Amino acid sequence: MKPKEMLAELESAASAIDVKVSYESIATAVMRGGLCKVKGQYRVIIDKRLNAEERANTLAESLARFDFSKLESVAKGARSLLDYYANRRNLRMAQAS
């Protein structure tokens, strides 16, 4: 799956679970973006200067903490990327405890 297609799939998945995605200038060289909660709603803010592949990875990493098992509409490639980041996150959490 091409990066732009992957990004579109991930944006659709975010919308399906009511997570808003926005692209803004982030004034730091260290952070690419991430998940936050604004006025009770989850939101992923991504640096708009990133290319499609970097945006897709940032979005997938942020969304990986949500349960997508009941969403059948997520394409196989996007689901694989979400699973990768979910497994990575779970491994880090297990190592920290």
Foldseek 3Di string as FASTA:
>chain_A
DDLQVLLVLLCVLCVVVQEAEEEDADPDPPDQWAWDADPRGIYTYGHNVDDSNVNSLRSLLRCLVDDCPPPPSRDPVNVVSSVVNVVVVVVVVVVVD
